[in-house]
N, C-alpha and C. Protein backbone atom coordinates (compact mmCIF):
# COMPACT_ATOMS: atom_id res chain seq x y z
N MET A 1 80.11 120.35 108.59
CA MET A 1 79.43 119.72 107.48
C MET A 1 79.49 120.64 106.27
N LEU A 2 79.56 120.08 105.12
CA LEU A 2 79.64 120.85 103.89
C LEU A 2 78.27 121.41 103.52
N LYS A 3 78.25 122.64 103.02
CA LYS A 3 77.00 123.28 102.63
C LYS A 3 76.89 123.27 101.12
N HIS A 4 75.68 123.09 100.64
CA HIS A 4 75.41 123.13 99.21
C HIS A 4 74.59 124.37 98.90
N ASN A 5 74.82 124.96 97.76
CA ASN A 5 74.09 126.15 97.36
C ASN A 5 72.79 125.73 96.69
N LEU A 6 71.73 125.56 97.47
CA LEU A 6 70.45 125.10 96.96
C LEU A 6 69.48 126.26 96.79
N SER A 7 69.79 127.16 95.91
CA SER A 7 68.87 128.27 95.62
C SER A 7 67.90 127.82 94.53
N TRP A 8 66.79 128.50 94.41
CA TRP A 8 65.79 128.18 93.40
C TRP A 8 66.38 128.31 91.99
N ASP A 9 67.23 129.30 91.77
CA ASP A 9 67.86 129.48 90.46
C ASP A 9 68.75 128.29 90.10
N ASN A 10 69.50 127.79 91.08
CA ASN A 10 70.36 126.63 90.82
C ASN A 10 69.54 125.39 90.53
N ILE A 11 68.43 125.23 91.22
CA ILE A 11 67.55 124.08 90.97
C ILE A 11 66.98 124.16 89.56
N LYS A 12 66.53 125.34 89.13
CA LYS A 12 65.98 125.49 87.77
C LYS A 12 67.04 125.21 86.71
N LYS A 13 68.27 125.64 86.93
CA LYS A 13 69.35 125.37 85.98
C LYS A 13 69.57 123.87 85.84
N ARG A 14 69.54 123.17 86.94
CA ARG A 14 69.75 121.72 86.91
C ARG A 14 68.61 121.00 86.21
N LEU A 15 67.40 121.46 86.40
CA LEU A 15 66.26 120.80 85.79
C LEU A 15 66.22 120.97 84.28
N ARG A 16 66.91 121.94 83.74
CA ARG A 16 66.94 122.14 82.30
C ARG A 16 67.60 120.97 81.58
N ASN A 17 68.50 120.34 82.23
CA ASN A 17 69.19 119.21 81.63
C ASN A 17 69.01 117.99 82.53
N LEU A 18 67.97 117.23 82.27
CA LEU A 18 67.60 116.12 83.14
C LEU A 18 68.69 115.06 83.23
N ARG A 19 69.37 114.80 82.12
CA ARG A 19 70.44 113.80 82.14
C ARG A 19 71.56 114.22 83.10
N GLN A 20 71.88 115.50 83.09
CA GLN A 20 72.91 116.00 84.00
C GLN A 20 72.46 115.82 85.45
N VAL A 21 71.20 116.04 85.71
CA VAL A 21 70.67 115.85 87.06
C VAL A 21 70.79 114.39 87.47
N ILE A 22 70.40 113.50 86.58
CA ILE A 22 70.44 112.07 86.91
C ILE A 22 71.89 111.61 87.11
N ASP A 23 72.78 112.00 86.20
CA ASP A 23 74.19 111.62 86.33
C ASP A 23 74.80 112.20 87.61
N GLY A 24 74.53 113.47 87.88
CA GLY A 24 75.07 114.11 89.08
C GLY A 24 74.52 113.48 90.35
N THR A 25 73.23 113.17 90.34
CA THR A 25 72.60 112.54 91.50
C THR A 25 73.15 111.14 91.72
N ALA A 26 73.27 110.38 90.65
CA ALA A 26 73.82 109.03 90.77
C ALA A 26 75.25 109.07 91.31
N PHE A 27 76.07 109.98 90.78
CA PHE A 27 77.44 110.12 91.26
C PHE A 27 77.45 110.45 92.74
N GLU A 28 76.61 111.41 93.12
CA GLU A 28 76.56 111.84 94.53
C GLU A 28 76.10 110.70 95.44
N LEU A 29 75.04 110.00 95.04
CA LEU A 29 74.48 108.96 95.90
C LEU A 29 75.29 107.67 95.92
N LEU A 30 75.85 107.30 94.78
CA LEU A 30 76.54 106.02 94.70
C LEU A 30 78.03 106.09 94.97
N TYR A 31 78.61 107.26 94.84
CA TYR A 31 80.06 107.38 95.00
C TYR A 31 80.45 108.38 96.08
N ARG A 32 80.15 109.66 95.86
CA ARG A 32 80.63 110.72 96.74
C ARG A 32 80.09 110.59 98.17
N SER A 33 78.79 110.44 98.32
CA SER A 33 78.19 110.39 99.66
C SER A 33 78.68 109.21 100.50
N PRO A 34 78.70 107.98 99.95
CA PRO A 34 79.21 106.87 100.76
C PRO A 34 80.67 107.05 101.17
N LEU A 35 81.51 107.53 100.26
CA LEU A 35 82.92 107.72 100.62
C LEU A 35 83.10 108.85 101.62
N THR A 36 82.31 109.92 101.47
CA THR A 36 82.39 111.01 102.43
C THR A 36 81.94 110.53 103.80
N TYR A 37 80.86 109.76 103.84
CA TYR A 37 80.38 109.21 105.11
C TYR A 37 81.43 108.30 105.74
N LEU A 38 82.00 107.42 104.94
CA LEU A 38 83.04 106.52 105.45
C LEU A 38 84.22 107.31 105.98
N ASN A 39 84.60 108.36 105.28
CA ASN A 39 85.73 109.17 105.71
C ASN A 39 85.43 109.96 106.98
N THR A 40 84.15 110.22 107.28
CA THR A 40 83.83 110.89 108.54
C THR A 40 83.97 109.93 109.72
N ARG A 41 83.82 108.63 109.46
CA ARG A 41 83.95 107.62 110.51
C ARG A 41 85.40 107.23 110.76
N THR A 42 86.19 107.25 109.71
CA THR A 42 87.60 106.90 109.79
C THR A 42 88.34 107.68 108.71
N THR A 43 89.57 107.98 108.95
CA THR A 43 90.34 108.71 107.95
C THR A 43 90.92 107.72 106.95
N ILE A 44 90.57 107.90 105.67
CA ILE A 44 91.00 106.98 104.63
C ILE A 44 92.41 107.34 104.14
N GLY A 45 92.70 108.61 104.01
CA GLY A 45 93.95 109.05 103.40
C GLY A 45 95.08 109.23 104.39
N THR A 46 96.12 109.90 103.92
CA THR A 46 97.33 110.16 104.70
C THR A 46 97.42 111.65 105.02
N ASN A 47 97.54 111.98 106.29
CA ASN A 47 97.73 113.37 106.69
C ASN A 47 99.14 113.79 106.27
N VAL A 48 99.26 114.91 105.59
CA VAL A 48 100.56 115.34 105.08
C VAL A 48 101.57 115.58 106.20
N PHE A 49 101.10 115.85 107.41
CA PHE A 49 102.01 116.11 108.51
C PHE A 49 102.56 114.83 109.14
N THR A 50 102.08 113.67 108.71
CA THR A 50 102.63 112.41 109.22
C THR A 50 103.84 111.96 108.40
N ARG A 51 104.16 112.69 107.35
CA ARG A 51 105.30 112.37 106.49
C ARG A 51 106.37 113.43 106.66
N GLU A 52 107.60 113.06 106.35
CA GLU A 52 108.71 114.01 106.43
C GLU A 52 108.90 114.65 105.06
N TRP A 53 108.95 115.98 105.05
CA TRP A 53 109.08 116.71 103.79
C TRP A 53 110.22 117.71 103.87
N ASP A 54 110.96 117.84 102.80
CA ASP A 54 111.86 118.98 102.66
C ASP A 54 111.05 120.16 102.16
N VAL A 55 110.23 119.89 101.15
CA VAL A 55 109.33 120.90 100.59
C VAL A 55 108.03 120.20 100.24
N LEU A 56 106.93 120.80 100.62
CA LEU A 56 105.61 120.27 100.28
C LEU A 56 104.82 121.37 99.60
N ILE A 57 104.39 121.10 98.39
CA ILE A 57 103.57 122.05 97.65
C ILE A 57 102.22 121.40 97.44
N LEU A 58 101.18 122.04 97.93
CA LEU A 58 99.83 121.53 97.78
C LEU A 58 99.15 122.22 96.61
N LEU A 59 98.65 121.42 95.70
CA LEU A 59 97.95 121.95 94.53
C LEU A 59 96.52 121.46 94.58
N ASN A 60 95.60 122.37 94.75
CA ASN A 60 94.19 122.00 94.81
C ASN A 60 93.70 121.73 93.39
N THR A 61 93.08 120.61 93.18
CA THR A 61 92.52 120.15 91.90
C THR A 61 93.58 119.93 90.83
N CYS A 62 94.78 119.61 91.21
CA CYS A 62 95.83 119.32 90.23
C CYS A 62 95.82 117.82 89.91
N ARG A 63 95.86 117.49 88.66
CA ARG A 63 95.91 116.10 88.24
C ARG A 63 97.35 115.64 88.19
N VAL A 64 97.65 114.55 88.89
CA VAL A 64 99.01 114.04 88.97
C VAL A 64 99.50 113.62 87.58
N ASP A 65 98.63 113.03 86.77
CA ASP A 65 99.07 112.60 85.44
C ASP A 65 99.48 113.79 84.59
N ALA A 66 98.78 114.90 84.70
CA ALA A 66 99.14 116.10 83.93
C ALA A 66 100.46 116.69 84.45
N LEU A 67 100.65 116.68 85.76
CA LEU A 67 101.89 117.19 86.34
C LEU A 67 103.08 116.32 85.93
N ARG A 68 102.89 115.02 85.90
CA ARG A 68 103.98 114.12 85.47
C ARG A 68 104.33 114.34 84.00
N GLU A 69 103.34 114.67 83.21
CA GLU A 69 103.58 114.89 81.78
C GLU A 69 104.47 116.11 81.52
N VAL A 70 104.31 117.17 82.31
CA VAL A 70 105.10 118.38 82.10
C VAL A 70 106.34 118.44 82.98
N ALA A 71 106.50 117.51 83.90
CA ALA A 71 107.63 117.53 84.84
C ALA A 71 108.99 117.60 84.16
N PRO A 72 109.24 116.87 83.07
CA PRO A 72 110.56 116.93 82.44
C PRO A 72 110.94 118.31 81.91
N GLU A 73 109.98 119.18 81.73
CA GLU A 73 110.25 120.52 81.21
C GLU A 73 110.84 121.46 82.26
N TYR A 74 110.83 121.04 83.53
CA TYR A 74 111.29 121.90 84.63
C TYR A 74 112.36 121.19 85.44
N ASP A 75 113.48 121.88 85.65
CA ASP A 75 114.60 121.29 86.38
C ASP A 75 114.27 121.03 87.85
N PHE A 76 113.49 121.89 88.47
CA PHE A 76 113.19 121.76 89.89
C PHE A 76 112.22 120.62 90.18
N ASN A 77 111.57 120.11 89.18
CA ASN A 77 110.53 119.11 89.35
C ASN A 77 111.10 117.72 89.06
N GLU A 78 111.94 117.23 89.96
CA GLU A 78 112.63 115.97 89.74
C GLU A 78 111.71 114.76 89.91
N GLU A 79 110.81 114.84 90.86
CA GLU A 79 110.00 113.69 91.20
C GLU A 79 108.57 114.14 91.50
N VAL A 80 107.61 113.47 90.92
CA VAL A 80 106.20 113.78 91.16
C VAL A 80 105.57 112.58 91.84
N ASN A 81 105.11 112.77 93.06
CA ASN A 81 104.46 111.70 93.82
C ASN A 81 103.06 112.14 94.22
N SER A 82 102.28 111.19 94.63
CA SER A 82 100.95 111.51 95.15
C SER A 82 100.65 110.61 96.33
N ILE A 83 99.77 111.09 97.19
CA ILE A 83 99.26 110.28 98.30
C ILE A 83 97.75 110.48 98.34
N ARG A 84 97.06 109.54 98.93
CA ARG A 84 95.61 109.66 99.05
C ARG A 84 95.29 110.73 100.09
N SER A 85 94.43 111.64 99.73
CA SER A 85 94.08 112.77 100.59
C SER A 85 93.16 112.33 101.73
N VAL A 86 93.20 113.09 102.83
CA VAL A 86 92.30 112.81 103.94
C VAL A 86 90.92 113.41 103.73
N GLY A 87 90.74 114.15 102.66
CA GLY A 87 89.43 114.73 102.37
C GLY A 87 89.16 114.82 100.89
N GLY A 88 87.91 114.64 100.52
CA GLY A 88 87.52 114.71 99.13
C GLY A 88 87.25 116.11 98.65
N ARG A 89 87.07 117.03 99.56
CA ARG A 89 86.82 118.44 99.24
C ARG A 89 87.68 119.28 100.18
N SER A 90 87.99 120.49 99.75
CA SER A 90 88.91 121.34 100.52
C SER A 90 88.50 121.53 101.98
N PRO A 91 87.23 121.85 102.29
CA PRO A 91 86.88 122.04 103.70
C PRO A 91 87.10 120.78 104.54
N GLU A 92 86.79 119.63 103.97
CA GLU A 92 87.00 118.36 104.68
C GLU A 92 88.50 118.12 104.88
N TRP A 93 89.31 118.42 103.85
CA TRP A 93 90.76 118.23 103.95
C TRP A 93 91.34 119.11 105.04
N VAL A 94 90.96 120.38 105.08
CA VAL A 94 91.47 121.31 106.08
C VAL A 94 91.09 120.83 107.48
N ALA A 95 89.83 120.42 107.65
CA ALA A 95 89.36 119.98 108.97
C ALA A 95 90.10 118.74 109.46
N LYS A 96 90.47 117.85 108.54
CA LYS A 96 91.15 116.61 108.94
C LYS A 96 92.67 116.72 108.93
N THR A 97 93.20 117.77 108.32
CA THR A 97 94.65 117.94 108.26
C THR A 97 95.18 118.69 109.47
N PHE A 98 94.52 119.77 109.83
CA PHE A 98 94.99 120.61 110.93
C PHE A 98 94.31 120.22 112.23
N VAL A 99 94.71 119.06 112.77
CA VAL A 99 94.17 118.54 114.01
C VAL A 99 95.33 118.22 114.95
N GLY A 100 95.04 118.16 116.24
CA GLY A 100 96.07 117.81 117.22
C GLY A 100 97.23 118.79 117.22
N GLU A 101 98.45 118.27 117.15
CA GLU A 101 99.64 119.11 117.15
C GLU A 101 99.71 120.01 115.93
N CYS A 102 99.11 119.59 114.84
CA CYS A 102 99.16 120.36 113.60
C CYS A 102 98.36 121.66 113.70
N GLU A 103 97.46 121.77 114.67
CA GLU A 103 96.68 123.01 114.84
C GLU A 103 97.57 124.18 115.19
N ARG A 104 98.70 123.94 115.82
CA ARG A 104 99.60 125.02 116.21
C ARG A 104 100.25 125.68 115.02
N ILE A 105 100.31 125.00 113.89
CA ILE A 105 100.97 125.54 112.70
C ILE A 105 100.20 126.74 112.15
N ILE A 106 98.88 126.67 112.17
CA ILE A 106 98.10 127.76 111.61
C ILE A 106 97.79 128.75 112.66
């Protein structure tokens, strides 16, 4: 399970900007939490090891639209594709990616 840093200092920082708290809470309750829960019951995305790759480069927090915009500037970057991830956060992705036969890789 993912851990949150709930220290008193972090809580005080959040309370300084009530709108940020409300927006963050709404996002967490209405979007992130339901999808995370659903993904714990079933895998929504595609495990990278179920596809055939010549080269696979994983970029954490990389926006595909930004990568496509700069792709023509680099000869090695012929094609930019994306797939839906098996996790919304890095720890969840690692836990759902390296399972079964894929555990032997690491």
